[in-house]
Protein backbone atom coordinates (compact mmCIF):
# COMPACT_ATOMS: atom_id res chain seq x y z
CA UNK A 1 0.00 0.00 0.00
CA UNK A 2 1.44 3.37 -0.96
CA UNK A 3 1.76 5.83 1.88
CA UNK A 4 1.69 8.89 -0.40
CA UNK A 5 -0.95 11.58 -0.51
CA UNK A 6 -2.92 13.46 2.09
CA UNK A 7 -4.09 11.84 5.30
CA UNK A 8 -7.58 11.54 3.85
CA UNK A 9 -6.20 9.80 0.72
CA UNK A 10 -4.31 7.30 2.88
CA UNK A 11 -7.37 6.76 5.09
CA UNK A 12 -9.57 6.12 2.05
CA UNK A 13 -7.14 3.52 0.68
CA UNK A 14 -6.99 1.79 4.06
CA UNK A 15 -10.79 1.93 4.41
CA UNK A 16 -11.12 0.29 0.98
CA UNK A 17 -9.02 -2.61 2.26
CA UNK A 18 -10.56 -3.11 5.71
CA UNK A 19 -13.97 -1.37 5.89
CA UNK A 20 -15.61 -2.01 2.53
CA UNK A 21 -19.21 -3.28 2.51
CA UNK A 22 -19.47 -7.06 2.40
CA UNK A 23 -15.91 -7.72 3.57
CA UNK A 24 -15.45 -10.97 5.46
CA UNK A 25 -13.68 -11.04 8.83
CA UNK A 26 -10.81 -12.98 7.24
CA UNK A 27 -10.42 -10.39 4.45
CA UNK A 28 -10.45 -7.61 7.04
CA UNK A 29 -7.71 -9.27 9.12
CA UNK A 30 -5.65 -9.90 5.96
CA UNK A 31 -6.00 -6.21 5.02
CA UNK A 32 -4.59 -5.19 8.38
CA UNK A 33 -1.82 -7.80 8.05
CA UNK A 34 -0.90 -6.26 4.69
CA UNK A 35 -0.60 -2.71 6.01
CA UNK A 36 0.71 -3.54 9.50
CA UNK A 37 4.32 -2.47 8.92
CA UNK A 38 3.27 1.07 7.98
CA UNK A 39 -0.03 1.37 9.85
CA UNK A 40 1.05 3.86 12.51
CA UNK A 41 2.89 6.03 10.01
CA UNK A 42 -0.06 5.97 7.62
CA UNK A 43 -2.87 6.51 10.08
CA UNK A 44 -1.91 7.34 13.63
CA UNK A 45 1.04 9.65 13.23
CA UNK A 46 -0.48 11.77 10.47
CA UNK A 47 -2.13 13.64 13.34
CA UNK A 48 -5.71 13.66 12.16
CA UNK A 49 -6.87 10.39 13.73
CA UNK A 50 -7.38 11.01 17.43
CA UNK A 51 -8.93 7.69 18.46
CA UNK A 52 -5.97 6.48 20.58
CA UNK A 53 -5.58 9.89 22.28
CA UNK A 54 -9.29 10.05 23.13
CA UNK A 55 -9.21 6.46 24.45
CA UNK A 56 -6.22 7.31 26.67
CA UNK A 57 -7.90 10.46 27.99
CA UNK A 58 -10.97 8.45 29.01
CA UNK A 59 -8.92 5.67 30.65
CA UNK A 60 -7.02 8.25 32.69
CA UNK A 61 -10.28 9.89 33.70
CA UNK A 62 -11.76 6.59 34.94
CA UNK A 63 -8.72 5.13 36.74
CA UNK A 64 -6.86 7.33 39.24
CA UNK A 65 -3.04 7.24 39.21
CA UNK A 66 -2.77 5.26 42.46
CA UNK A 67 -4.84 2.39 40.99
CA UNK A 68 -3.30 2.14 37.53
CA UNK A 69 -0.48 -0.29 38.36
CA UNK A 70 -2.98 -2.87 39.67
CA UNK A 71 -5.83 -2.32 37.21
CA UNK A 72 -6.36 -5.11 34.66
CA UNK A 73 -6.97 -3.68 31.20
CA UNK A 74 -8.16 -5.33 28.00
CA UNK A 75 -7.19 -3.42 24.85
CA UNK A 76 -9.73 -4.52 22.23
CA UNK A 77 -8.74 -4.21 18.55
CA UNK A 78 -5.30 -3.45 19.93
CA UNK A 79 -3.64 -3.41 16.52
CA UNK A 80 -0.03 -2.22 16.69
CA UNK A 81 -0.42 -1.31 20.35
CA UNK A 82 -0.73 2.48 20.23
CA UNK A 83 -3.21 2.61 23.11
CA UNK A 84 -1.39 -0.03 25.17
CA UNK A 85 1.90 1.83 24.83
CA UNK A 86 0.33 5.04 26.10
CA UNK A 87 -1.49 3.26 28.94
CA UNK A 88 1.80 1.68 29.99
CA UNK A 89 3.51 5.08 29.90
CA UNK A 90 0.79 6.32 32.28
CA UNK A 91 1.41 3.56 34.84
CA UNK A 92 -0.85 0.69 33.76
CA UNK A 93 1.02 -2.62 34.10
CA UNK A 94 -1.53 -5.39 33.49
CA UNK A 95 -2.63 -4.90 29.89
CA UNK A 96 -3.88 -7.69 27.65
CA UNK A 97 -4.63 -7.33 23.94
CA UNK A 98 -7.17 -8.88 21.62
CA UNK A 99 -6.96 -8.46 17.84
CA UNK A 100 -7.53 -10.74 14.82
CA UNK A 101 -4.49 -9.52 12.85
CA UNK A 102 -1.25 -11.39 13.44
CA UNK A 103 0.58 -8.82 11.33
CA UNK A 104 -0.53 -5.99 13.60
CA UNK A 105 0.47 -7.98 16.70
CA UNK A 106 3.98 -8.49 15.31
CA UNK A 107 4.48 -4.71 15.17
CA UNK A 108 3.96 -4.26 18.91
CA UNK A 109 6.66 -3.14 21.28
CA UNK A 110 7.55 -5.94 23.70
CA UNK A 111 6.93 -5.60 27.42
CA UNK A 112 3.62 -3.75 27.10
CA UNK A 113 1.07 -6.56 26.90
CA UNK A 114 0.88 -9.48 29.31
CA UNK A 115 -1.33 -11.66 27.09
CA UNK A 116 -2.28 -11.52 23.42
CA UNK A 117 -5.49 -13.06 22.14
CA UNK A 118 -5.41 -13.55 18.36
CA UNK A 119 -9.13 -13.71 17.67
CA UNK A 120 -12.26 -11.91 16.56
CA UNK A 121 -14.56 -10.40 19.18
CA UNK A 122 -18.17 -11.47 18.74
CA UNK A 123 -17.42 -14.73 16.95
CA UNK A 124 -18.85 -16.84 19.76
CA UNK A 125 -15.47 -18.49 20.36
CA UNK A 126 -13.65 -16.06 22.63
CA UNK A 127 -10.79 -17.32 24.79
CA UNK A 128 -10.52 -14.00 26.65
CA UNK A 129 -11.19 -14.85 30.31
CA UNK A 130 -14.50 -13.66 31.72
CA UNK A 131 -14.88 -11.46 34.82
CA UNK A 132 -11.24 -10.40 34.62
CA UNK A 133 -10.80 -6.80 33.52
CA UNK A 134 -11.28 -3.57 35.46
CA UNK A 135 -11.16 -1.54 32.27
CA UNK A 136 -11.97 -2.49 28.67
CA UNK A 137 -10.80 0.00 26.02
CA UNK A 138 -11.29 0.14 22.28
CA UNK A 139 -10.12 2.62 19.69
CA UNK A 140 -11.15 2.18 16.08
CA UNK A 141 -12.47 -1.36 16.35
CA UNK A 142 -16.00 -0.77 15.16
CA UNK A 143 -16.93 -0.98 11.49
CA UNK A 144 -17.93 -3.33 8.69
CA UNK A 145 -16.80 -6.83 9.73
CA UNK A 146 -14.86 -5.54 12.70
CA UNK A 147 -16.69 -5.91 16.02
CA UNK A 148 -20.32 -6.86 15.46
CA UNK A 149 -23.10 -5.81 17.79
CA UNK A 150 -23.03 -9.18 19.58
CA UNK A 151 -19.36 -8.48 20.33
CA UNK A 152 -20.54 -6.03 22.96
CA UNK A 153 -21.80 -9.04 24.93
CA UNK A 154 -18.25 -10.45 24.89
CA UNK A 155 -16.87 -7.14 26.15
CA UNK A 156 -19.35 -6.98 29.02
CA UNK A 157 -18.60 -10.63 29.90
CA UNK A 158 -14.86 -10.00 30.41
CA UNK A 159 -15.22 -7.01 32.72
CA UNK A 160 -15.39 -6.76 36.48
CA UNK A 161 -16.00 -3.01 36.28
CA UNK A 162 -14.43 -2.27 39.62
CA UNK A 163 -10.82 -1.19 39.89
CA UNK A 164 -9.38 -3.02 42.87
CA UNK A 165 -7.15 -1.13 45.28
């Protein structure tokens, strides 16, 4: 995938690969695999996509600094790990990731995530442990063949929704 052009041109090319109507989950994951090496440069660092920054702001708002090191976090649609990296920088130490793209997982910095779950949310076959996470975050994981509506049930199932002290 060429990285040239404006941010909107790059975003449109990426959307054509991973968000087009009728795309299958496997095609979507393969699209992310294909662009994984340049994903952050193409999308995140162009400065116009604020999803990870907004997700971080909300996580910091919900979990006070003194509880971050013990809070268990699930980063859904974790991709290359942008959100996890920032959460770790802010003191979170128990972060797990779930994403269906092996290529995106391979781009992650080591030492950020405790566990990686290579799977689709909402498929009915989740191996993510239930009643485990104090905080579930997602940035950019909704869309055609990404996380379906029934995936929200999976996300509720994994949460404890109390940050332990």
